[in-house]
């Protein structure tokens, strides 16, 4: 009896000590992993600042990071940087959104209906290997050099990663899931909505994130012709006029916009794929 009583008294104490000792260990692991993830970036930014100042790299071709930041601040104060960011974001978001509305339904149809996939596959293979930049003269020829051609080219560039990943996601759903759902008597429309679509979502989001990156990267090419504003225009114009710090401002801001776009899509992806979390998470 006394033995049982001692066990009752000592068991909670042991659990309490273990949980307390794990907390500092978790914080240490988090700090360690954060440092490992950021050390390369810190080293890169340090070299960017130091090398031009020491004369190892000509500051005429690679201005120091502080010079670039100062130039960016001056552009922001005059309102030019805000204008360029707004114009580029508008083009990028419109092109990306239109690609979503075109590619996802089309990909679901092609992936679900085998006959449609077999019929369209040769055409898809041709166009998926034709880059958007190669078709730029065609878009300008038919649509002019205005906003319609720019956004249309972005739509074309963003459509393919979403479309192909949507097709792949639908076609690679586990056959056992489909068989089990049909055994339970699910009608085709419910099978598609409750089984096929949720199972394909992770693969679809891979394409969406790729398209998000492309919608930002393609801006440089899209804004080369007939543009008077935009980050791509800022980069190209600064290069031609040899305003190198200003050119690096455009590159740096475009990188930050791309990162923000990617992290935003990651947050959306986590929301729609929360069911994938393992018990350890």
C-alpha atoms as a PDB file:
ATOM      1  CA  UNK A   1       0.000   0.000   0.000  1.00  0.00           C
ATOM      2  CA  UNK A   2       2.817   2.350   0.906  1.00  0.00           C
ATOM      3  CA  UNK A   3       4.572   1.448  -2.327  1.00  0.00           C
ATOM      4  CA  UNK A   4       1.525   2.430  -4.362  1.00  0.00           C
ATOM      5  CA  UNK A   5       1.246   5.672  -2.426  1.00  0.00           C
ATOM      6  CA  UNK A   6       4.863   6.584  -3.151  1.00  0.00           C
ATOM      7  CA  UNK A   7       4.343   5.944  -6.851  1.00  0.00           C
ATOM      8  CA  UNK A   8       1.392   8.312  -6.937  1.00  0.00           C
ATOM      9  CA  UNK A   9       3.448  11.041  -5.295  1.00  0.00           C
ATOM     10  CA  UNK A  10       6.576  10.683  -7.397  1.00  0.00           C
ATOM     11  CA  UNK A  11       5.057  10.178 -10.877  1.00  0.00           C
ATOM     12  CA  UNK A  12       3.806  13.765 -11.433  1.00  0.00           C
ATOM     13  CA  UNK A  13       7.097  15.118 -10.177  1.00  0.00           C
ATOM     14  CA  UNK A  14       9.041  13.160 -12.784  1.00  0.00           C
ATOM     15  CA  UNK A  15       6.811  14.384 -15.618  1.00  0.00           C
ATOM     16  CA  UNK A  16       7.122  17.977 -14.417  1.00  0.00           C
ATOM     17  CA  UNK A  17      10.919  17.904 -14.363  1.00  0.00           C
ATOM     18  CA  UNK A  18      11.045  16.358 -17.838  1.00  0.00           C
ATOM     19  CA  UNK A  19       8.752  19.021 -19.337  1.00  0.00           C
ATOM     20  CA  UNK A  20      10.788  21.810 -17.772  1.00  0.00           C
ATOM     21  CA  UNK A  21      14.059  20.411 -19.079  1.00  0.00           C
ATOM     22  CA  UNK A  22      12.641  20.089 -22.613  1.00  0.00           C
ATOM     23  CA  UNK A  23      11.683  23.765 -22.846  1.00  0.00           C
ATOM     24  CA  UNK A  24      15.231  25.235 -22.874  1.00  0.00           C
ATOM     25  CA  UNK A  25      16.288  22.439 -25.220  1.00  0.00           C
ATOM     26  CA  UNK A  26      13.495  23.373 -27.671  1.00  0.00           C
ATOM     27  CA  UNK A  27      14.462  27.062 -27.518  1.00  0.00           C
ATOM     28  CA  UNK A  28      18.116  26.196 -28.112  1.00  0.00           C
ATOM     29  CA  UNK A  29      17.225  24.048 -31.122  1.00  0.00           C
ATOM     30  CA  UNK A  30      15.052  26.835 -32.538  1.00  0.00           C
ATOM     31  CA  UNK A  31      17.830  29.417 -32.154  1.00  0.00           C
ATOM     32  CA  UNK A  32      20.344  27.027 -33.690  1.00  0.00           C
ATOM     33  CA  UNK A  33      18.151  26.273 -36.716  1.00  0.00           C
ATOM     34  CA  UNK A  34      17.344  29.986 -37.189  1.00  0.00           C
ATOM     35  CA  UNK A  35      21.047  30.836 -37.141  1.00  0.00           C
ATOM     36  CA  UNK A  36      21.843  28.105 -39.671  1.00  0.00           C
ATOM     37  CA  UNK A  37      19.115  29.380 -42.007  1.00  0.00           C
ATOM     38  CA  UNK A  38      20.249  33.006 -41.807  1.00  0.00           C
ATOM     39  CA  UNK A  39      24.053  32.664 -41.730  1.00  0.00           C
ATOM     40  CA  UNK A  40      24.394  32.393 -45.521  1.00  0.00           C
ATOM     41  CA  UNK A  41      22.228  35.488 -46.068  1.00  0.00           C
ATOM     42  CA  UNK A  42      24.131  37.478 -43.431  1.00  0.00           C
ATOM     43  CA  UNK A  43      27.465  36.469 -44.999  1.00  0.00           C
ATOM     44  CA  UNK A  44      26.231  37.388 -48.497  1.00  0.00           C
ATOM     45  CA  UNK A  45      24.989  40.830 -47.404  1.00  0.00           C
ATOM     46  CA  UNK A  46      28.224  41.467 -45.486  1.00  0.00           C
ATOM     47  CA  UNK A  47      30.347  40.637 -48.535  1.00  0.00           C
ATOM     48  CA  UNK A  48      28.113  42.826 -50.679  1.00  0.00           C
ATOM     49  CA  UNK A  49      28.804  45.759 -48.361  1.00  0.00           C
ATOM     50  CA  UNK A  50      32.516  45.134 -47.734  1.00  0.00           C
ATOM     51  CA  UNK A  51      33.933  44.072 -51.116  1.00  0.00           C
ATOM     52  CA  UNK A  52      33.040  47.270 -53.050  1.00  0.00           C
ATOM     53  CA  UNK A  53      34.284  49.435 -50.155  1.00  0.00           C
ATOM     54  CA  UNK A  54      37.640  47.615 -50.077  1.00  0.00           C
ATOM     55  CA  UNK A  55      38.001  47.948 -53.840  1.00  0.00           C
ATOM     56  CA  UNK A  56      37.976  44.185 -54.419  1.00  0.00           C
ATOM     57  CA  UNK A  57      35.031  44.776 -56.751  1.00  0.00           C
ATOM     58  CA  UNK A  58      34.549  47.995 -58.667  1.00  0.00           C
ATOM     59  CA  UNK A  59      31.804  50.077 -57.051  1.00  0.00           C
ATOM     60  CA  UNK A  60      30.923  51.351 -60.525  1.00  0.00           C
ATOM     61  CA  UNK A  61      29.590  47.888 -61.361  1.00  0.00           C
ATOM     62  CA  UNK A  62      28.617  46.664 -57.886  1.00  0.00           C
ATOM     63  CA  UNK A  63      27.736  49.458 -55.462  1.00  0.00           C
ATOM     64  CA  UNK A  64      27.749  48.636 -51.765  1.00  0.00           C
ATOM     65  CA  UNK A  65      24.539  47.483 -50.096  1.00  0.00           C
ATOM     66  CA  UNK A  66      24.284  50.708 -48.076  1.00  0.00           C
ATOM     67  CA  UNK A  67      24.529  52.753 -51.303  1.00  0.00           C
ATOM     68  CA  UNK A  68      21.747  50.702 -52.871  1.00  0.00           C
ATOM     69  CA  UNK A  69      19.546  51.120 -49.781  1.00  0.00           C
ATOM     70  CA  UNK A  70      20.200  54.871 -49.745  1.00  0.00           C
ATOM     71  CA  UNK A  71      19.276  55.132 -53.433  1.00  0.00           C
ATOM     72  CA  UNK A  72      16.134  53.101 -52.801  1.00  0.00           C
ATOM     73  CA  UNK A  73      15.138  55.412 -49.971  1.00  0.00           C
ATOM     74  CA  UNK A  74      15.584  58.447 -52.242  1.00  0.00           C
ATOM     75  CA  UNK A  75      13.390  56.815 -54.903  1.00  0.00           C
ATOM     76  CA  UNK A  76      10.791  56.052 -52.248  1.00  0.00           C
ATOM     77  CA  UNK A  77      10.759  59.643 -50.995  1.00  0.00           C
ATOM     78  CA  UNK A  78      10.149  60.963 -54.509  1.00  0.00           C
ATOM     79  CA  UNK A  79       7.317  58.446 -54.971  1.00  0.00           C
ATOM     80  CA  UNK A  80       8.946  56.765 -57.974  1.00  0.00           C
ATOM     81  CA  UNK A  81       9.617  53.455 -56.215  1.00  0.00           C
ATOM     82  CA  UNK A  82       6.030  53.200 -54.949  1.00  0.00           C
ATOM     83  CA  UNK A  83       4.742  53.809 -58.471  1.00  0.00           C
ATOM     84  CA  UNK A  84       6.992  51.131 -59.981  1.00  0.00           C
ATOM     85  CA  UNK A  85       6.012  48.589 -57.306  1.00  0.00           C
ATOM     86  CA  UNK A  86       2.296  49.315 -57.697  1.00  0.00           C
ATOM     87  CA  UNK A  87       2.362  48.989 -61.483  1.00  0.00           C
ATOM     88  CA  UNK A  88       4.345  45.745 -61.417  1.00  0.00           C
ATOM     89  CA  UNK A  89       2.227  44.198 -58.659  1.00  0.00           C
ATOM     90  CA  UNK A  90      -0.961  45.064 -60.546  1.00  0.00           C
ATOM     91  CA  UNK A  91       0.282  43.372 -63.710  1.00  0.00           C
ATOM     92  CA  UNK A  92       1.644  40.381 -61.813  1.00  0.00           C
ATOM     93  CA  UNK A  93      -1.483  39.792 -59.707  1.00  0.00           C
ATOM     94  CA  UNK A  94      -3.874  40.165 -62.661  1.00  0.00           C
ATOM     95  CA  UNK A  95      -1.831  37.773 -64.832  1.00  0.00           C
ATOM     96  CA  UNK A  96      -1.445  35.260 -62.004  1.00  0.00           C
ATOM     97  CA  UNK A  97      -5.138  35.379 -61.037  1.00  0.00           C
ATOM     98  CA  UNK A  98      -6.349  34.930 -64.620  1.00  0.00           C
ATOM     99  CA  UNK A  99      -3.970  31.975 -65.007  1.00  0.00           C
ATOM    100  CA  UNK A 100      -5.479  30.397 -61.882  1.00  0.00           C
ATOM    101  CA  UNK A 101      -9.029  30.697 -63.231  1.00  0.00           C
ATOM    102  CA  UNK A 102      -7.986  29.240 -66.593  1.00  0.00           C
ATOM    103  CA  UNK A 103      -5.505  26.536 -65.607  1.00  0.00           C
ATOM    104  CA  UNK A 104      -7.133  24.878 -62.585  1.00  0.00           C
ATOM    105  CA  UNK A 105     -10.551  24.085 -64.173  1.00  0.00           C
ATOM    106  CA  UNK A 106      -8.883  23.053 -67.433  1.00  0.00           C
ATOM    107  CA  UNK A 107      -6.360  20.881 -65.577  1.00  0.00           C
ATOM    108  CA  UNK A 108      -9.118  19.200 -63.551  1.00  0.00           C
ATOM    109  CA  UNK A 109     -11.044  18.361 -66.725  1.00  0.00           C
ATOM    110  CA  UNK A 110      -7.988  17.036 -68.566  1.00  0.00           C
ATOM    111  CA  UNK A 111      -6.824  15.044 -65.562  1.00  0.00           C
ATOM    112  CA  UNK A 112     -10.260  13.533 -64.850  1.00  0.00           C
ATOM    113  CA  UNK A 113     -11.337  12.597 -68.384  1.00  0.00           C
ATOM    114  CA  UNK A 114      -8.897  10.208 -70.021  1.00  0.00           C
ATOM    115  CA  UNK A 115     -10.185  10.821 -73.553  1.00  0.00           C
ATOM    116  CA  UNK A 116      -9.671  14.586 -73.186  1.00  0.00           C
ATOM    117  CA  UNK A 117      -6.134  14.017 -71.889  1.00  0.00           C
ATOM    118  CA  UNK A 118      -5.217  11.697 -74.782  1.00  0.00           C
ATOM    119  CA  UNK A 119      -6.657  14.153 -77.311  1.00  0.00           C
ATOM    120  CA  UNK A 120      -4.957  17.289 -75.951  1.00  0.00           C
ATOM    121  CA  UNK A 121      -1.657  15.785 -74.815  1.00  0.00           C
ATOM    122  CA  UNK A 122       0.226  16.321 -78.154  1.00  0.00           C
ATOM    123  CA  UNK A 123      -0.854  19.980 -78.226  1.00  0.00           C
ATOM    124  CA  UNK A 124       0.116  20.460 -74.583  1.00  0.00           C
ATOM    125  CA  UNK A 125       3.563  19.013 -75.247  1.00  0.00           C
ATOM    126  CA  UNK A 126       4.137  21.521 -78.053  1.00  0.00           C
ATOM    127  CA  UNK A 127       3.088  24.610 -76.100  1.00  0.00           C
ATOM    128  CA  UNK A 128       4.658  23.612 -72.777  1.00  0.00           C
ATOM    129  CA  UNK A 129       8.042  23.599 -74.522  1.00  0.00           C
ATOM    130  CA  UNK A 130       7.468  26.982 -76.147  1.00  0.00           C
ATOM    131  CA  UNK A 131       8.666  29.638 -73.731  1.00  0.00           C
ATOM    132  CA  UNK A 132       6.724  32.830 -73.150  1.00  0.00           C
ATOM    133  CA  UNK A 133       9.724  34.970 -74.117  1.00  0.00           C
ATOM    134  CA  UNK A 134       9.886  33.305 -77.531  1.00  0.00           C
ATOM    135  CA  UNK A 135       6.237  34.229 -78.110  1.00  0.00           C
ATOM    136  CA  UNK A 136       6.632  37.848 -77.008  1.00  0.00           C
ATOM    137  CA  UNK A 137       6.895  39.189 -80.609  1.00  0.00           C
ATOM    138  CA  UNK A 138       3.722  37.260 -81.494  1.00  0.00           C
ATOM    139  CA  UNK A 139       1.791  38.759 -78.561  1.00  0.00           C
ATOM    140  CA  UNK A 140       2.990  42.260 -79.485  1.00  0.00           C
ATOM    141  CA  UNK A 141       2.126  41.695 -83.156  1.00  0.00           C
ATOM    142  CA  UNK A 142      -1.476  40.693 -82.390  1.00  0.00           C
ATOM    143  CA  UNK A 143      -2.181  42.692 -79.226  1.00  0.00           C
ATOM    144  CA  UNK A 144       0.124  45.710 -79.522  1.00  0.00           C
ATOM    145  CA  UNK A 145       2.559  46.969 -76.883  1.00  0.00           C
ATOM    146  CA  UNK A 146      -0.077  48.009 -74.351  1.00  0.00           C
ATOM    147  CA  UNK A 147      -1.223  46.381 -71.114  1.00  0.00           C
ATOM    148  CA  UNK A 148      -3.233  43.663 -72.885  1.00  0.00           C
ATOM    149  CA  UNK A 149      -0.152  42.060 -74.434  1.00  0.00           C
ATOM    150  CA  UNK A 150       1.837  42.321 -71.194  1.00  0.00           C
ATOM    151  CA  UNK A 151      -0.838  40.702 -69.040  1.00  0.00           C
ATOM    152  CA  UNK A 152      -1.593  38.088 -71.717  1.00  0.00           C
ATOM    153  CA  UNK A 153       2.062  37.071 -71.775  1.00  0.00           C
ATOM    154  CA  UNK A 154       2.066  36.769 -67.976  1.00  0.00           C
ATOM    155  CA  UNK A 155      -1.092  34.644 -68.144  1.00  0.00           C
ATOM    156  CA  UNK A 156       0.545  32.357 -70.695  1.00  0.00           C
ATOM    157  CA  UNK A 157       3.729  32.029 -68.615  1.00  0.00           C
ATOM    158  CA  UNK A 158       1.831  31.334 -65.380  1.00  0.00           C
ATOM    159  CA  UNK A 159      -0.705  28.928 -66.862  1.00  0.00           C
ATOM    160  CA  UNK A 160       1.632  26.038 -67.652  1.00  0.00           C
ATOM    161  CA  UNK A 161       3.002  25.163 -64.200  1.00  0.00           C
ATOM    162  CA  UNK A 162      -0.513  25.339 -62.717  1.00  0.00           C
ATOM    163  CA  UNK A 163      -2.094  23.369 -65.566  1.00  0.00           C
ATOM    164  CA  UNK A 164       0.501  20.596 -65.651  1.00  0.00           C
ATOM    165  CA  UNK A 165       0.590  20.166 -61.878  1.00  0.00           C
ATOM    166  CA  UNK A 166      -3.209  20.107 -61.703  1.00  0.00           C
ATOM    167  CA  UNK A 167      -3.334  17.358 -64.358  1.00  0.00           C
ATOM    168  CA  UNK A 168      -0.629  15.422 -62.520  1.00  0.00           C
ATOM    169  CA  UNK A 169      -2.370  15.856 -59.163  1.00  0.00           C
ATOM    170  CA  UNK A 170      -5.660  14.464 -60.444  1.00  0.00           C
ATOM    171  CA  UNK A 171      -4.116  11.588 -62.389  1.00  0.00           C
ATOM    172  CA  UNK A 172      -1.911  10.459 -59.494  1.00  0.00           C
ATOM    173  CA  UNK A 173      -4.570  10.213 -56.793  1.00  0.00           C
ATOM    174  CA  UNK A 174      -4.215   6.918 -54.916  1.00  0.00           C
ATOM    175  CA  UNK A 175      -6.455   4.357 -56.731  1.00  0.00           C
ATOM    176  CA  UNK A 176      -7.329   2.785 -53.362  1.00  0.00           C
ATOM    177  CA  UNK A 177      -8.980   6.057 -52.280  1.00  0.00           C
ATOM    178  CA  UNK A 178     -11.085   6.114 -55.436  1.00  0.00           C
ATOM    179  CA  UNK A 179     -11.990   2.433 -55.102  1.00  0.00           C
ATOM    180  CA  UNK A 180     -12.970   2.854 -51.450  1.00  0.00           C
ATOM    181  CA  UNK A 181     -15.141   5.885 -52.237  1.00  0.00           C
ATOM    182  CA  UNK A 182     -16.912   4.050 -55.048  1.00  0.00           C
ATOM    183  CA  UNK A 183     -17.459   1.052 -52.782  1.00  0.00           C
ATOM    184  CA  UNK A 184     -19.202   3.383 -50.340  1.00  0.00           C
ATOM    185  CA  UNK A 185     -21.532   4.417 -53.156  1.00  0.00           C
ATOM    186  CA  UNK A 186     -20.326   8.007 -53.702  1.00  0.00           C
ATOM    187  CA  UNK A 187     -21.739   9.454 -56.951  1.00  0.00           C
ATOM    188  CA  UNK A 188     -19.173  10.818 -59.468  1.00  0.00           C
ATOM    189  CA  UNK A 189     -19.635  14.490 -58.562  1.00  0.00           C
ATOM    190  CA  UNK A 190     -19.178  13.806 -54.830  1.00  0.00           C
ATOM    191  CA  UNK A 191     -16.236  11.497 -55.527  1.00  0.00           C
ATOM    192  CA  UNK A 192     -14.554  14.300 -57.418  1.00  0.00           C
ATOM    193  CA  UNK A 193     -15.341  16.972 -54.806  1.00  0.00           C
ATOM    194  CA  UNK A 194     -14.616  14.972 -51.651  1.00  0.00           C
ATOM    195  CA  UNK A 195     -11.791  12.658 -52.766  1.00  0.00           C
ATOM    196  CA  UNK A 196     -10.082  13.670 -56.020  1.00  0.00           C
ATOM    197  CA  UNK A 197      -9.861  17.424 -55.460  1.00  0.00           C
ATOM    198  CA  UNK A 198      -8.587  17.337 -51.833  1.00  0.00           C
ATOM    199  CA  UNK A 199      -6.000  14.678 -52.714  1.00  0.00           C
ATOM    200  CA  UNK A 200      -4.781  16.740 -55.687  1.00  0.00           C
ATOM    201  CA  UNK A 201      -4.510  20.041 -53.780  1.00  0.00           C
ATOM    202  CA  UNK A 202      -0.864  19.605 -52.577  1.00  0.00           C
ATOM    203  CA  UNK A 203       0.363  18.953 -56.129  1.00  0.00           C
ATOM    204  CA  UNK A 204      -1.739  21.812 -57.493  1.00  0.00           C
ATOM    205  CA  UNK A 205      -0.138  24.193 -54.990  1.00  0.00           C
ATOM    206  CA  UNK A 206       3.333  23.226 -56.215  1.00  0.00           C
ATOM    207  CA  UNK A 207       2.290  24.600 -59.608  1.00  0.00           C
ATOM    208  CA  UNK A 208       0.670  27.650 -58.048  1.00  0.00           C
ATOM    209  CA  UNK A 209       3.863  28.560 -56.193  1.00  0.00           C
ATOM    210  CA  UNK A 210       5.925  28.103 -59.357  1.00  0.00           C
ATOM    211  CA  UNK A 211       3.488  30.333 -61.227  1.00  0.00           C
ATOM    212  CA  UNK A 212       3.739  32.937 -58.461  1.00  0.00           C
ATOM    213  CA  UNK A 213       7.511  33.076 -58.916  1.00  0.00           C
ATOM    214  CA  UNK A 214       7.152  33.235 -62.707  1.00  0.00           C
ATOM    215  CA  UNK A 215       4.626  36.086 -62.479  1.00  0.00           C
ATOM    216  CA  UNK A 216       7.306  38.192 -60.784  1.00  0.00           C
ATOM    217  CA  UNK A 217      10.343  37.036 -62.759  1.00  0.00           C
ATOM    218  CA  UNK A 218       8.648  37.481 -66.138  1.00  0.00           C
ATOM    219  CA  UNK A 219       7.993  41.151 -65.360  1.00  0.00           C
ATOM    220  CA  UNK A 220      11.495  42.115 -66.500  1.00  0.00           C
ATOM    221  CA  UNK A 221      10.844  40.746 -69.973  1.00  0.00           C
ATOM    222  CA  UNK A 222       7.240  41.944 -70.115  1.00  0.00           C
ATOM    223  CA  UNK A 223       8.134  45.507 -69.125  1.00  0.00           C
ATOM    224  CA  UNK A 224      10.989  45.826 -71.607  1.00  0.00           C
ATOM    225  CA  UNK A 225       8.690  47.016 -74.381  1.00  0.00           C
ATOM    226  CA  UNK A 226       6.333  49.962 -74.292  1.00  0.00           C
ATOM    227  CA  UNK A 227       6.465  50.468 -70.524  1.00  0.00           C
ATOM    228  CA  UNK A 228       6.916  53.732 -68.686  1.00  0.00           C
ATOM    229  CA  UNK A 229       6.704  52.270 -65.172  1.00  0.00           C
ATOM    230  CA  UNK A 230       7.283  49.001 -63.317  1.00  0.00           C
ATOM    231  CA  UNK A 231      10.202  47.276 -61.615  1.00  0.00           C
ATOM    232  CA  UNK A 232      11.260  45.594 -64.851  1.00  0.00           C
ATOM    233  CA  UNK A 233      11.223  48.963 -66.582  1.00  0.00           C
ATOM    234  CA  UNK A 234      13.248  50.463 -63.713  1.00  0.00           C
ATOM    235  CA  UNK A 235      15.903  47.745 -64.051  1.00  0.00           C
ATOM    236  CA  UNK A 236      16.190  47.991 -67.854  1.00  0.00           C
ATOM    237  CA  UNK A 237      16.094  51.804 -67.928  1.00  0.00           C
ATOM    238  CA  UNK A 238      18.739  52.058 -65.174  1.00  0.00           C
ATOM    239  CA  UNK A 239      20.979  49.609 -67.027  1.00  0.00           C
ATOM    240  CA  UNK A 240      20.772  51.598 -70.274  1.00  0.00           C
ATOM    241  CA  UNK A 241      21.400  54.914 -68.494  1.00  0.00           C
ATOM    242  CA  UNK A 242      24.180  53.332 -66.371  1.00  0.00           C
ATOM    243  CA  UNK A 243      22.499  54.239 -63.090  1.00  0.00           C
ATOM    244  CA  UNK A 244      23.767  51.064 -61.450  1.00  0.00           C
ATOM    245  CA  UNK A 245      22.628  51.695 -57.830  1.00  0.00           C
ATOM    246  CA  UNK A 246      19.121  52.348 -59.150  1.00  0.00           C
ATOM    247  CA  UNK A 247      19.287  49.115 -61.168  1.00  0.00           C
ATOM    248  CA  UNK A 248      20.171  47.126 -58.048  1.00  0.00           C
ATOM    249  CA  UNK A 249      17.303  48.792 -56.188  1.00  0.00           C
ATOM    250  CA  UNK A 250      14.931  47.356 -58.789  1.00  0.00           C
ATOM    251  CA  UNK A 251      16.526  43.915 -58.541  1.00  0.00           C
ATOM    252  CA  UNK A 252      16.450  43.922 -54.735  1.00  0.00           C
ATOM    253  CA  UNK A 253      12.829  45.091 -54.524  1.00  0.00           C
ATOM    254  CA  UNK A 254      11.755  42.528 -57.133  1.00  0.00           C
ATOM    255  CA  UNK A 255      13.428  39.816 -55.051  1.00  0.00           C
ATOM    256  CA  UNK A 256      11.597  40.971 -51.915  1.00  0.00           C
ATOM    257  CA  UNK A 257       8.280  41.066 -53.790  1.00  0.00           C
ATOM    258  CA  UNK A 258       8.897  37.530 -55.040  1.00  0.00           C
ATOM    259  CA  UNK A 259       9.678  36.318 -51.513  1.00  0.00           C
ATOM    260  CA  UNK A 260       6.543  37.977 -50.129  1.00  0.00           C
ATOM    261  CA  UNK A 261       4.491  36.374 -52.899  1.00  0.00           C
ATOM    262  CA  UNK A 262       5.963  32.969 -52.130  1.00  0.00           C
ATOM    263  CA  UNK A 263       5.421  33.182 -48.361  1.00  0.00           C
ATOM    264  CA  UNK A 264       1.870  34.365 -48.914  1.00  0.00           C
ATOM    265  CA  UNK A 265       1.148  31.356 -51.127  1.00  0.00           C
ATOM    266  CA  UNK A 266       2.796  29.075 -48.554  1.00  0.00           C
ATOM    267  CA  UNK A 267       0.400  30.370 -45.898  1.00  0.00           C
ATOM    268  CA  UNK A 268      -2.575  29.719 -48.184  1.00  0.00           C
ATOM    269  CA  UNK A 269      -1.237  26.247 -48.981  1.00  0.00           C
ATOM    270  CA  UNK A 270      -0.912  25.379 -45.276  1.00  0.00           C
ATOM    271  CA  UNK A 271      -4.510  26.448 -44.735  1.00  0.00           C
ATOM    272  CA  UNK A 272      -5.840  24.192 -47.517  1.00  0.00           C
ATOM    273  CA  UNK A 273      -3.577  21.223 -46.715  1.00  0.00           C
ATOM    274  CA  UNK A 274      -3.824  21.258 -42.913  1.00  0.00           C
ATOM    275  CA  UNK A 275      -5.253  17.727 -43.076  1.00  0.00           C
ATOM    276  CA  UNK A 276      -1.812  16.505 -44.185  1.00  0.00           C
ATOM    277  CA  UNK A 277      -0.187  17.275 -40.824  1.00  0.00           C
ATOM    278  CA  UNK A 278       1.290  14.289 -39.091  1.00  0.00           C
ATOM    279  CA  UNK A 279       0.713  13.548 -35.367  1.00  0.00           C
ATOM    280  CA  UNK A 280       4.300  14.681 -34.629  1.00  0.00           C
ATOM    281  CA  UNK A 281       3.511  18.131 -35.997  1.00  0.00           C
END
